[in-house]
Amino acid sequence: QVHLVESGGGLVQAGGSLRLSCAASGIIFSINVMGWYRQAPGKQRELVAVITSGGSTNYADSVKGRFTISRDNAKNRVYLQMNSLKPEDTAVYYCRLTQRNDYWGQGTQVTVSS
């Protein structure tokens, strides 16, 4: 079993920055994909950014140039550095790990005020 715990969410003004962290525990394979997704009220959950265990990344167009995903394989952690935050970035942010199965964290709230 795999357990994911996110941290780092909060309230920030537009233009500000936040850094999200996700810690994975349990049986973690050396080859996997970790990522961040978000869900705003009344909207579907959407991809924000993903990163493979080899370091390849992919971003949603809406966050390119503002968000950076990174990971520490030794610590089984993934991070999301969010800069130039906008009110439309307000959402619950979820960490996801994909190996043999999909695993999700409980989510962390990010609120960006205008």
Protein backbone atom coordinates (compact mmCIF):
# COMPACT_ATOMS: atom_id res chain seq x y z
CA GLN A 1 0.00 0.00 0.00
CA VAL A 2 1.05 3.60 -0.66
CA HIS A 3 0.20 6.65 1.42
CA LEU A 4 0.55 10.22 0.13
CA VAL A 5 0.51 13.32 2.33
CA GLU A 6 0.45 16.83 0.87
CA SER A 7 1.49 19.99 2.67
CA GLY A 8 2.21 23.62 1.90
CA GLY A 9 -1.16 24.95 0.87
CA GLY A 10 -2.60 28.17 2.21
CA LEU A 11 -3.86 31.64 1.44
CA VAL A 12 -1.75 33.97 -0.67
CA GLN A 13 -2.30 37.20 -2.56
CA ALA A 14 -2.23 37.30 -6.33
CA GLY A 15 1.33 37.46 -7.58
CA GLY A 16 2.62 35.54 -4.59
CA SER A 17 4.24 32.12 -4.30
CA LEU A 18 3.65 28.83 -2.55
CA ARG A 19 5.53 25.55 -2.48
CA LEU A 20 3.60 22.32 -2.17
CA SER A 21 5.20 19.12 -0.96
CA CYS A 22 4.00 15.54 -1.16
CA ALA A 23 5.55 12.71 0.81
CA ALA A 24 4.99 9.13 -0.33
CA SER A 25 5.37 6.16 1.97
CA GLY A 26 4.89 2.43 1.58
CA ILE A 27 6.03 0.25 -1.29
CA ILE A 28 7.40 2.67 -3.87
CA PHE A 29 8.75 1.28 -7.13
CA SER A 30 11.83 2.83 -8.67
CA ILE A 31 9.90 3.57 -11.87
CA ASN A 32 6.80 5.66 -11.39
CA VAL A 33 5.13 8.92 -12.23
CA MET A 34 4.23 11.53 -9.63
CA GLY A 35 2.15 14.57 -10.24
CA TRP A 36 -0.08 17.35 -9.07
CA TYR A 37 -3.70 17.78 -9.99
CA ARG A 38 -6.22 20.35 -8.86
CA GLN A 39 -9.95 20.70 -8.52
CA ALA A 40 -11.74 24.00 -8.23
CA PRO A 41 -15.33 24.21 -6.92
CA GLY A 42 -17.78 23.06 -9.55
CA LYS A 43 -15.04 21.92 -11.91
CA GLN A 44 -13.45 18.61 -12.82
CA ARG A 45 -10.08 17.61 -11.47
CA GLU A 46 -7.34 18.60 -13.91
CA LEU A 47 -3.68 17.91 -14.42
CA VAL A 48 -1.28 20.59 -13.25
CA ALA A 49 2.11 18.94 -13.71
CA VAL A 50 3.65 15.48 -13.73
CA ILE A 51 7.20 14.18 -13.46
CA THR A 52 8.60 10.73 -14.13
CA SER A 53 11.17 9.00 -11.96
CA GLY A 54 13.63 9.84 -14.74
CA GLY A 55 12.86 13.54 -14.47
CA SER A 56 10.73 14.14 -17.55
CA THR A 57 8.02 16.72 -16.94
CA ASN A 58 4.76 17.85 -18.43
CA TYR A 59 2.69 20.91 -17.52
CA ALA A 60 -0.77 22.22 -18.14
CA ASP A 61 -0.64 25.19 -20.50
CA SER A 62 -2.22 27.39 -17.85
CA VAL A 63 0.75 26.99 -15.49
CA LYS A 64 3.69 26.83 -17.88
CA GLY A 65 6.34 29.36 -16.96
CA ARG A 66 4.87 29.90 -13.49
CA PHE A 67 4.92 26.47 -11.82
CA THR A 68 7.84 24.06 -11.49
CA ILE A 69 7.55 20.43 -10.51
CA SER A 70 10.50 18.56 -9.02
CA ARG A 71 11.13 15.39 -7.06
CA ASP A 72 13.56 13.77 -4.67
CA ASN A 73 13.60 10.06 -5.47
CA ALA A 74 15.67 9.21 -2.41
CA LYS A 75 13.02 10.75 -0.15
CA ASN A 76 10.02 9.75 -2.27
CA ARG A 77 8.87 13.35 -2.39
CA VAL A 78 7.48 15.55 -5.12
CA TYR A 79 7.27 19.34 -4.99
CA LEU A 80 5.37 22.04 -6.81
CA GLN A 81 6.82 25.53 -6.76
CA MET A 82 4.05 27.95 -7.69
CA ASN A 83 4.98 31.52 -8.60
CA SER A 84 2.96 34.43 -9.95
CA LEU A 85 -0.18 32.91 -8.53
CA LYS A 86 -3.54 34.02 -9.92
CA PRO A 87 -7.02 33.86 -8.39
CA GLU A 88 -7.89 31.19 -10.97
CA ASP A 89 -5.25 28.93 -9.40
CA THR A 90 -7.51 28.60 -6.36
CA ALA A 91 -8.32 24.92 -5.90
CA VAL A 92 -7.66 21.84 -3.85
CA TYR A 93 -4.35 20.42 -5.02
CA TYR A 94 -3.87 16.66 -5.02
CA CYS A 95 -0.73 14.59 -5.25
CA ARG A 96 -0.86 11.45 -7.37
CA LEU A 97 1.52 8.52 -7.71
CA THR A 98 1.17 6.04 -10.55
CA GLN A 99 3.07 2.78 -10.56
CA ARG A 100 1.19 -0.51 -10.71
CA ASN A 101 -1.87 1.31 -9.36
CA ASP A 102 -2.97 4.90 -8.87
CA TYR A 103 -2.69 6.54 -5.47
CA TRP A 104 -3.97 9.93 -4.36
CA GLY A 105 -3.35 12.18 -1.41
CA GLN A 106 -6.07 13.86 0.60
CA GLY A 107 -5.47 17.26 -0.99
CA THR A 108 -4.34 20.65 0.23
CA GLN A 109 -6.25 23.89 -0.27
CA VAL A 110 -4.66 26.75 -2.19
CA THR A 111 -6.51 30.05 -2.14
CA VAL A 112 -5.30 33.04 -4.13
CA SER A 113 -6.93 36.36 -3.30
CA SER A 114 -7.18 39.20 -5.78
